[in-house]
Protein backbone atom coordinates (compact mmCIF):
# COMPACT_ATOMS: atom_id res chain seq x y z
CA MET A 1 -10.26 -0.86 -8.60
CA PHE A 2 -8.26 -3.13 -10.87
CA PHE A 3 -4.80 -1.04 -10.23
CA SER A 4 -5.62 -1.50 -6.33
CA ALA A 5 -7.00 -5.12 -6.11
CA ARG A 6 -4.54 -7.53 -7.08
CA PHE A 7 -4.96 -11.11 -7.02
CA TYR A 8 -1.73 -11.49 -5.47
CA TYR A 9 -2.01 -9.54 -2.03
CA PRO A 10 -4.03 -12.73 0.09
CA VAL A 11 -0.83 -14.56 -0.37
CA TYR A 12 1.83 -11.94 -0.82
CA ALA A 13 4.69 -12.54 1.15
CA LEU A 14 4.22 -16.20 0.70
CA ILE A 15 4.47 -15.99 -2.94
CA PHE A 16 7.88 -13.96 -2.61
CA LEU A 17 9.53 -17.09 -0.12
CA ASP A 18 7.61 -19.73 -2.56
CA TYR A 19 9.81 -18.28 -5.61
CA GLY A 20 13.10 -18.77 -3.19
CA LEU A 21 13.19 -15.59 -1.30
CA THR A 22 13.71 -15.12 2.30
CA LEU A 23 11.79 -12.88 4.78
CA ALA A 24 15.17 -10.65 4.57
CA GLN A 25 15.25 -10.36 1.10
CA PHE A 26 11.49 -9.89 0.94
CA GLY A 27 11.84 -6.79 3.47
CA ILE A 28 15.04 -5.08 1.10
CA LEU A 29 12.54 -5.43 -1.53
CA ASN A 30 9.85 -3.60 0.00
CA ALA A 31 12.26 -0.90 1.05
CA LEU A 32 12.95 -0.78 -3.02
CA TRP A 33 9.99 -0.66 -4.19
CA ALA A 34 9.05 2.35 -0.97
CA LEU A 35 12.43 4.78 -1.84
CA THR A 36 11.75 3.84 -5.83
CA ILE A 37 8.10 5.57 -4.87
CA VAL A 38 10.07 8.31 -2.67
CA VAL A 39 12.04 9.55 -5.76
CA LEU A 40 10.05 9.56 -8.03
CA GLU A 41 6.21 10.54 -6.20
CA VAL A 42 6.60 14.50 -6.09
CA PRO A 43 8.40 14.79 -9.68
CA SER A 44 5.90 12.54 -10.78
CA GLY A 45 3.22 14.52 -9.29
CA ALA A 46 5.36 18.08 -10.78
CA LEU A 47 4.62 16.32 -13.93
CA ALA A 48 0.71 15.38 -13.76
CA ASP A 49 0.34 19.74 -13.23
CA THR A 50 2.24 20.51 -15.91
CA ILE A 51 1.85 17.65 -18.91
CA GLY A 52 -1.41 16.34 -17.50
CA ARG A 53 -2.55 13.89 -15.20
CA ARG A 54 -3.95 11.29 -17.67
CA ASN A 55 -0.51 11.11 -19.73
CA LEU A 56 0.83 10.35 -15.97
CA LEU A 57 -2.28 7.24 -15.45
CA ILE A 58 -1.55 5.82 -18.53
CA ALA A 59 2.48 5.79 -17.56
CA ALA A 60 1.35 4.01 -14.71
CA GLY A 61 -0.84 1.66 -17.03
CA LEU A 62 2.09 0.61 -18.71
CA CYS A 63 4.53 -0.06 -15.73
CA MET A 64 2.00 -2.27 -14.33
CA LEU A 65 1.56 -4.62 -17.64
CA ILE A 66 5.69 -4.47 -17.87
CA GLU A 67 5.99 -5.91 -13.70
CA MET A 68 3.81 -8.34 -13.95
CA GLY A 69 5.37 -9.55 -17.17
CA VAL A 70 8.86 -9.58 -15.36
CA LEU A 71 7.20 -12.17 -12.61
CA LEU A 72 5.79 -14.41 -15.20
CA LEU A 73 8.57 -14.67 -16.45
CA ALA A 74 10.65 -14.99 -13.07
CA PRO A 75 12.48 -18.47 -12.98
CA ILE A 76 11.70 -20.02 -9.83
CA GLY A 77 14.61 -20.48 -7.46
CA GLY A 78 16.65 -18.75 -9.54
CA GLY A 79 19.37 -17.60 -6.93
CA TYR A 80 20.49 -14.19 -7.57
CA LEU A 81 18.49 -14.02 -11.27
CA LEU A 82 15.55 -14.28 -9.47
CA PHE A 83 16.11 -11.37 -6.81
CA GLY A 84 17.13 -9.51 -9.93
CA LEU A 85 14.26 -9.49 -11.57
CA PHE A 86 11.91 -9.00 -8.54
CA ALA A 87 14.30 -6.25 -7.53
CA ILE A 88 13.62 -4.99 -11.35
CA ASN A 89 9.72 -5.71 -10.43
CA ARG A 90 9.22 -3.55 -7.55
CA ILE A 91 10.74 -0.57 -9.37
CA LEU A 92 8.05 -0.78 -11.56
CA SER A 93 5.52 -1.50 -9.51
CA GLY A 94 7.15 2.03 -7.13
CA ALA A 95 7.09 3.68 -10.63
CA ALA A 96 3.28 2.69 -11.18
CA GLU A 97 2.19 4.22 -7.67
CA ALA A 98 4.25 6.97 -8.22
CA ALA A 99 2.37 8.17 -11.08
CA ALA A 100 -0.74 7.34 -10.42
CA SER A 101 -0.51 8.78 -7.18
CA GLY A 102 -2.06 11.89 -6.62
CA ALA A 103 -2.90 12.59 -10.47
CA ASP A 104 -5.19 10.32 -10.33
CA GLU A 105 -7.46 11.94 -7.63
CA ALA A 106 -6.25 15.73 -8.93
CA LEU A 107 -7.88 14.89 -12.03
CA VAL A 108 -11.27 14.05 -10.70
CA TYR A 109 -11.20 16.46 -7.65
CA ASP A 110 -10.12 19.62 -10.61
CA SER A 111 -13.18 17.83 -12.78
CA MET A 112 -15.58 18.03 -9.76
CA LYS A 113 -14.65 21.52 -9.83
CA ALA A 114 -15.19 22.73 -12.69
CA ALA A 115 -18.72 21.16 -12.67
CA GLY A 116 -19.37 23.24 -9.62
CA ILE A 117 -19.80 19.91 -7.37
CA GLU A 118 -16.52 19.76 -5.22
CA ASP A 119 -18.62 20.21 -2.02
CA ARG A 120 -19.08 16.18 -2.79
CA TRP A 121 -15.94 15.13 -2.66
CA GLY A 122 -16.31 13.22 0.53
CA HIS A 123 -19.33 11.17 -0.86
CA VAL A 124 -16.87 10.57 -3.96
CA LEU A 125 -14.34 8.59 -1.71
CA GLU A 126 -16.94 7.10 0.15
CA ARG A 127 -18.18 5.76 -3.07
CA VAL A 128 -14.47 4.64 -4.14
CA GLN A 129 -13.27 3.13 -1.16
CA ARG A 130 -16.91 1.16 -1.33
CA ASP A 131 -16.58 0.44 -4.96
CA THR A 132 -12.69 -0.85 -4.37
CA SER A 133 -13.44 -2.87 -1.41
CA LEU A 134 -15.94 -4.95 -3.53
CA ALA A 135 -13.15 -5.09 -5.98
CA PHE A 136 -10.88 -6.54 -3.26
CA PHE A 137 -13.31 -8.83 -1.91
CA PHE A 138 -12.93 -10.74 -5.19
CA ALA A 139 -9.77 -10.43 -5.99
CA MET A 140 -8.39 -11.88 -2.43
CA MET A 141 -11.07 -14.77 -3.01
CA ILE A 142 -9.97 -15.76 -6.32
CA GLY A 143 -6.18 -15.25 -5.67
CA ALA A 144 -6.04 -17.35 -2.54
CA ALA A 145 -8.22 -20.38 -3.92
CA CYS A 146 -6.29 -20.43 -7.16
CA TYR A 147 -3.05 -20.43 -4.84
CA ASP A 148 -4.25 -23.92 -2.82
CA PRO A 149 -4.01 -26.83 -4.38
CA ALA A 150 -6.19 -28.31 -2.40
CA MET A 151 -9.21 -26.32 -3.42
CA VAL A 152 -8.06 -25.99 -7.31
CA ASN A 153 -8.38 -29.91 -7.55
CA ALA A 154 -11.23 -29.95 -5.48
CA VAL A 155 -12.67 -27.86 -8.55
CA PHE A 156 -11.04 -30.02 -10.88
CA LYS A 157 -12.71 -33.40 -9.50
CA PHE A 158 -16.24 -31.52 -9.52
CA PHE A 159 -15.90 -30.93 -13.40
CA GLY A 160 -14.95 -34.69 -13.90
CA SER A 161 -11.36 -33.67 -14.59
CA SER A 162 -8.66 -35.88 -14.03
CA LEU A 163 -6.30 -32.75 -13.75
CA PHE A 164 -3.90 -32.84 -10.65
CA VAL A 165 -1.50 -29.54 -9.45
CA VAL A 166 0.69 -29.15 -6.88
CA GLN A 167 1.69 -26.03 -5.37
CA GLU A 168 4.93 -25.56 -7.20
CA GLN A 169 2.30 -25.09 -10.57
CA LEU A 170 0.06 -22.79 -8.67
CA ILE A 171 3.02 -19.94 -7.74
CA LYS A 172 2.65 -17.86 -10.85
CA LEU A 173 -1.26 -17.98 -11.72
CA PRO A 174 -2.10 -15.29 -9.52
CA ILE A 175 0.52 -13.40 -11.25
CA LEU A 176 -1.53 -14.21 -14.56
CA LEU A 177 -4.51 -13.01 -13.14
CA THR A 178 -2.98 -9.67 -11.86
CA PHE A 179 -1.28 -9.11 -15.57
CA ILE A 180 -5.14 -9.26 -17.22
CA SER A 181 -5.67 -6.31 -14.13
CA SER A 182 -3.01 -4.96 -15.50
CA LEU A 183 -4.97 -5.02 -19.45
CA VAL A 184 -7.76 -3.18 -17.98
CA VAL A 185 -6.04 -0.52 -15.61
CA PHE A 186 -4.04 0.41 -19.37
CA THR A 187 -7.58 0.48 -21.39
CA MET A 188 -8.98 2.41 -19.16
CA ALA A 189 -6.58 4.98 -18.61
CA ILE A 190 -6.28 5.36 -22.42
CA ARG A 191 -9.70 6.04 -22.31
CA MET A 192 -9.53 8.88 -19.65
CA LYS A 193 -9.80 12.67 -20.99
CA GLU A 194 -8.12 15.83 -20.42
CA PRO A 195 -8.84 19.69 -21.46
CA VAL A 196 -6.29 20.30 -23.95
CA ALA A 197 -3.73 23.05 -22.40
CA GLU A 198 -3.77 26.09 -24.00
CA LYS A 199 -0.11 26.40 -24.22
CA THR A 200 2.14 23.33 -25.40
CA LEU A 201 5.25 23.44 -23.19
CA THR A 202 8.62 22.27 -24.74
CA VAL A 203 10.45 19.67 -22.02
CA ARG A 204 13.19 22.34 -20.41
CA GLU A 205 9.76 24.41 -19.83
CA THR A 206 8.58 21.64 -18.62
CA LEU A 207 10.95 20.86 -16.34
CA SER A 208 11.20 24.31 -14.75
CA LYS A 209 7.81 24.73 -14.17
CA SER A 210 8.08 21.11 -12.78
CA TRP A 211 10.75 22.05 -10.42
CA ALA A 212 9.55 25.39 -9.31
CA GLN A 213 6.21 23.52 -8.52
CA THR A 214 8.26 20.86 -6.27
CA ARG A 215 9.43 23.49 -4.47
CA SER A 216 6.33 26.00 -4.30
CA ALA A 217 4.13 22.94 -2.78
CA ALA A 218 7.27 22.00 -0.25
CA SER A 219 7.46 25.44 1.04
CA TRP A 220 3.51 25.56 1.57
CA ILE A 221 3.16 22.37 3.25
CA LEU A 222 6.31 22.92 5.31
CA THR A 223 5.09 26.38 6.34
CA THR A 224 1.11 25.79 6.98
CA PRO A 225 -0.03 23.44 10.39
CA LEU A 226 -3.12 21.74 8.86
CA PRO A 227 -1.32 20.06 6.07
CA PHE A 228 1.95 19.49 7.99
CA GLY A 229 0.36 17.63 10.77
CA ILE A 230 -1.94 15.82 8.15
CA ILE A 231 1.19 13.79 6.03
CA LEU A 232 2.92 13.65 9.71
CA ALA A 233 -0.07 11.28 10.87
CA ALA A 234 0.37 9.56 7.78
CA MET A 235 3.76 8.58 8.24
CA VAL A 236 3.61 7.04 11.05
CA ILE A 237 0.19 5.51 11.03
CA ASP A 238 0.68 3.69 7.51
CA SER A 239 4.35 2.83 8.27
CA ALA A 240 3.40 1.13 11.42
CA VAL A 241 0.39 -0.88 9.38
CA ARG A 242 1.63 -1.25 6.29
CA GLN A 243 4.42 -3.63 7.44
CA PHE A 244 1.90 -6.28 8.85
CA LEU A 245 0.15 -6.12 6.11
CA THR A 246 2.90 -6.73 3.73
CA LEU A 247 3.56 -10.11 6.08
CA ALA A 248 -0.17 -10.47 6.73
CA SER A 249 -0.34 -14.20 4.75
CA GLU A 250 2.94 -15.21 6.58
CA TYR A 251 1.16 -14.09 10.31
CA TRP A 252 -2.20 -16.52 9.47
CA LYS A 253 0.30 -19.57 9.52
CA VAL A 254 1.42 -18.19 12.04
CA ILE A 255 -1.65 -18.78 13.84
CA HIS A 256 -2.64 -21.85 11.92
CA LEU A 257 -4.92 -20.65 9.32
CA PRO A 258 -5.46 -22.49 6.13
CA ILE A 259 -4.29 -21.45 2.91
CA ALA A 260 -7.85 -21.43 1.51
CA SER A 261 -9.01 -18.99 3.80
CA TYR A 262 -6.76 -16.20 3.41
CA GLY A 263 -9.15 -15.59 0.69
CA LEU A 264 -11.81 -15.24 2.98
CA ILE A 265 -9.91 -12.93 5.58
CA GLY A 266 -8.59 -10.96 3.04
CA SER A 267 -12.18 -10.49 1.34
CA GLY A 268 -13.74 -10.18 5.17
CA MET A 269 -11.11 -7.14 5.51
CA ALA A 270 -12.21 -5.66 2.16
CA LEU A 271 -15.62 -5.60 2.74
CA LEU A 272 -14.87 -3.01 5.92
CA GLY A 273 -14.73 -0.99 3.16
CA LEU A 274 -18.10 -0.47 2.95
CA PHE A 275 -18.39 0.74 6.59
CA VAL A 276 -15.19 2.21 7.35
CA PRO A 277 -15.60 5.12 5.04
CA ARG A 278 -19.06 6.50 6.10
CA LEU A 279 -17.69 6.39 9.66
CA ALA A 280 -14.94 8.38 8.44
CA ARG A 281 -16.78 10.49 6.75
CA TYR A 282 -18.91 10.99 9.64
CA MET A 283 -15.99 11.49 12.35
CA ALA A 284 -14.02 14.13 9.80
CA GLU A 285 -17.55 16.15 9.46
CA CYS A 286 -18.01 15.90 13.14
CA GLY A 287 -14.41 15.77 14.65
CA THR A 288 -11.48 17.56 14.32
CA PRO A 289 -8.09 16.14 12.39
CA LEU A 290 -6.27 15.82 16.21
CA ARG A 291 -9.09 13.83 17.47
CA ASN A 292 -9.33 11.77 14.64
CA PHE A 293 -6.03 11.27 14.71
CA MET A 294 -5.73 10.41 18.50
CA LEU A 295 -8.98 7.81 17.85
CA THR A 296 -6.67 6.26 15.06
CA VAL A 297 -4.02 6.21 17.06
CA ALA A 298 -5.26 3.80 19.57
CA ALA A 299 -6.84 1.66 17.28
CA VAL A 300 -3.16 0.97 15.70
CA PHE A 301 -1.97 0.53 18.97
CA VAL A 302 -4.44 -2.31 19.98
CA GLY A 303 -4.22 -4.11 16.90
CA LEU A 304 -0.31 -4.06 16.86
CA TYR A 305 0.01 -5.11 20.65
CA GLY A 306 -2.58 -7.45 19.78
CA LEU A 307 -0.42 -9.09 17.24
CA ALA A 308 2.27 -9.80 18.97
CA MET A 309 0.20 -12.40 21.14
CA ALA A 310 -0.14 -14.71 17.93
CA ILE A 311 -2.76 -16.05 19.15
CA PRO A 312 -3.74 -19.29 17.39
CA TYR A 313 -7.00 -18.56 15.17
CA TRP A 314 -8.44 -16.02 17.67
CA GLY A 315 -5.45 -13.61 16.44
CA ILE A 316 -7.32 -12.50 13.55
CA VAL A 317 -9.15 -10.43 16.04
CA PRO A 318 -5.98 -7.59 16.09
CA ALA A 319 -6.28 -7.34 12.61
CA VAL A 320 -9.45 -6.30 12.30
CA PHE A 321 -8.40 -2.86 14.03
CA LEU A 322 -5.59 -2.70 11.57
CA TYR A 323 -7.01 -3.16 8.34
CA ALA A 324 -9.70 -0.47 9.38
CA SER A 325 -7.58 2.22 11.04
CA ILE A 326 -5.24 2.36 7.37
CA GLN A 327 -8.87 2.87 6.08
CA LEU A 328 -9.76 5.58 7.76
CA THR A 329 -6.50 6.92 7.55
CA GLY A 330 -6.57 7.12 3.44
CA PHE A 331 -10.05 8.90 3.74
CA PHE A 332 -8.93 11.73 6.15
CA VAL A 333 -5.67 12.42 4.38
CA SER A 334 -7.64 12.86 1.27
CA ARG A 335 -10.39 14.56 2.42
CA TYR A 336 -8.17 17.23 4.11
CA LEU A 337 -5.48 17.49 1.59
CA ASN A 338 -7.52 17.94 -1.33
CA GLU A 339 -9.65 20.66 0.85
CA VAL A 340 -6.88 22.78 1.94
CA ALA A 341 -4.67 22.05 -1.46
CA PRO A 342 -4.25 25.13 -4.17
CA SER A 343 -6.19 23.64 -7.03
CA GLU A 344 -2.35 24.28 -9.39
CA GLN A 345 -0.68 22.52 -7.21
CA ARG A 346 -2.91 19.84 -6.14
CA ALA A 347 -0.94 16.64 -7.33
CA THR A 348 1.78 18.05 -5.89
CA VAL A 349 1.07 18.09 -2.77
CA LEU A 350 -0.53 15.24 -2.82
CA SER A 351 2.53 13.50 -4.17
CA PHE A 352 4.42 14.73 -0.84
CA ARG A 353 1.80 12.52 0.70
CA GLY A 354 2.82 9.74 -0.95
CA LEU A 355 6.43 10.71 -0.86
CA SER A 356 6.27 11.08 2.88
CA THR A 357 4.72 7.68 3.73
CA ASN A 358 6.43 5.75 1.55
CA ALA A 359 9.98 7.21 2.90
CA ALA A 360 8.66 6.00 6.30
CA TYR A 361 7.74 2.80 4.89
CA GLY A 362 10.73 1.91 3.46
CA VAL A 363 12.81 2.91 6.46
CA VAL A 364 11.03 0.64 8.75
CA SER A 365 11.08 -2.50 5.72
CA MET A 366 15.06 -1.79 6.54
CA LEU A 367 14.56 -1.49 10.00
CA TYR A 368 12.75 -5.45 9.93
CA SER A 369 15.06 -6.77 7.68
CA GLY A 370 17.98 -5.49 10.18
CA LEU A 371 15.77 -6.82 13.24
CA PHE A 372 14.95 -10.17 11.31
CA VAL A 373 18.71 -10.39 10.63
CA ALA A 374 19.43 -10.12 14.13
CA LEU A 375 16.27 -12.28 15.90
CA LYS A 376 17.20 -15.12 13.50
CA SER A 377 21.32 -15.03 14.53
CA LYS A 378 20.23 -15.04 18.39
CA HIS A 379 17.74 -18.29 17.85
CA GLU A 380 20.63 -19.96 15.76
CA LEU A 381 22.11 -20.35 19.17
CA ASN A 382 19.62 -22.93 20.07
CA PRO A 383 20.31 -26.07 18.87
CA ASP A 384 16.88 -27.36 19.82
CA LEU A 385 15.11 -25.15 17.27
CA LYS A 386 14.29 -27.09 14.06
CA GLU A 387 14.98 -25.15 10.73
CA GLU A 388 11.45 -25.58 9.32
CA HIS A 389 10.57 -23.66 13.15
CA LEU A 390 13.33 -21.04 13.31
CA GLN A 391 11.83 -18.58 10.51
CA GLN A 392 8.26 -18.71 12.30
CA THR A 393 10.12 -17.94 15.73
CA VAL A 394 11.96 -15.78 14.39
CA PHE A 395 8.77 -13.85 12.65
CA VAL A 396 6.35 -14.10 16.21
CA ASP A 397 9.26 -12.41 17.91
CA SER A 398 9.55 -9.40 15.44
CA LEU A 399 6.04 -8.67 15.64
CA SER A 400 6.21 -7.59 19.56
CA TRP A 401 8.83 -4.79 18.00
CA LEU A 402 6.22 -2.87 15.73
CA SER A 403 3.67 -2.07 18.80
CA LEU A 404 7.20 -0.58 20.48
CA TYR A 405 8.06 0.97 17.35
CA PHE A 406 4.54 2.67 16.62
CA ILE A 407 4.58 4.34 20.23
CA ILE A 408 8.12 5.89 19.60
CA SER A 409 7.39 7.32 16.51
CA VAL A 410 3.49 8.90 17.45
CA GLY A 411 5.81 10.44 20.64
CA ALA A 412 8.21 11.60 17.74
CA VAL A 413 5.39 13.44 15.48
CA PHE A 414 4.19 15.22 18.39
CA ALA A 415 7.71 16.31 19.34
CA VAL A 416 8.46 17.53 15.68
CA TYR A 417 5.09 19.70 14.96
CA TRP A 418 5.41 21.15 18.18
CA LEU A 419 9.03 22.46 17.57
CA ARG A 420 8.15 23.55 14.12
CA PHE A 421 5.00 25.79 15.69
CA ARG A 422 6.01 26.09 19.02
CA LYS A 423 5.61 30.22 18.28
CA ASN A 424 2.32 30.25 16.56
CA ARG A 425 -1.03 30.73 18.32
């Protein structure tokens, strides 16, 4: 809960811009974050299967501590130094995600399997998503409220204080709150327990076993239709939806919603997690993976198409489809992969899920940065367009490309799957 629900999420894009970065730099940094996960995801999963899942979770907590510390030290409007520190932050954040991804689920699932209750895995996933959604509710509310000077000053006035703050003084407050969350994450990771291995491996033996584990898991995924299809489906849905989610705060601004409402919106979207997991469990039990994939694809397309209209205030409706879709996808992928993956390489297989989705997200982030630069160059030729409206105009134009990318990528997924398994019955 504390690792996932971060106080800066409701104003994620705004924080980058208010620090002094551009939207193009924002896209590059997100691509760097995804690249880090791609590089470290599978090795970390293989290490989790050899040196222990608990050790990887401790490493994730430590990386989260340092990444938040770097942002607290970063100077606002610091030019190249600022970009460099944010690059360090993104690398550490990606390392934390890679270390935690797969290791946490594998530790829980194998603990349940040892207790003979692995058939309850779907219910556990439902509980985790529901509780994490509640954590997001509070994180979104508090994070957005403490970033709005009008809200903070109103609180000061209510308590009879003469203090008065401006926007520049609040930029790092959500970061500070997330730093406190990282202390909780690190402490809880240390408290976790794992059965002691029967034999202690040397560093060389560990690396050798990890590499063998990685090759074995990759071969299994590439030759088994269901996990191969699941990962392809996760890639296409996650990359499109997550690109919007990272830009959500800028989108709320474009459709004329006040900053203070961002927390309410994020909290409302998080509360979908109280209902979507139960729906996802019902769909998983009653429908096939292909049917569930197509239903999720339809919801994502409706959401992306609606975003491009950027309708003031009512533009929030298509975003609901996207938030629900990403939660459905997370449930389906975790359930299907954990059910079919061999126990001895479960964390490695789950790491390939993270590798593939983040590779796709990194590519989309770079494509988006290139698209933004191209559209900006085009609009700069218009002398009637003022500088303060240029970025918003370019941003709205860029949204229309997301639905086009999504349709093309869904078609590519079917083509790749058919070519890979066309000889199977």
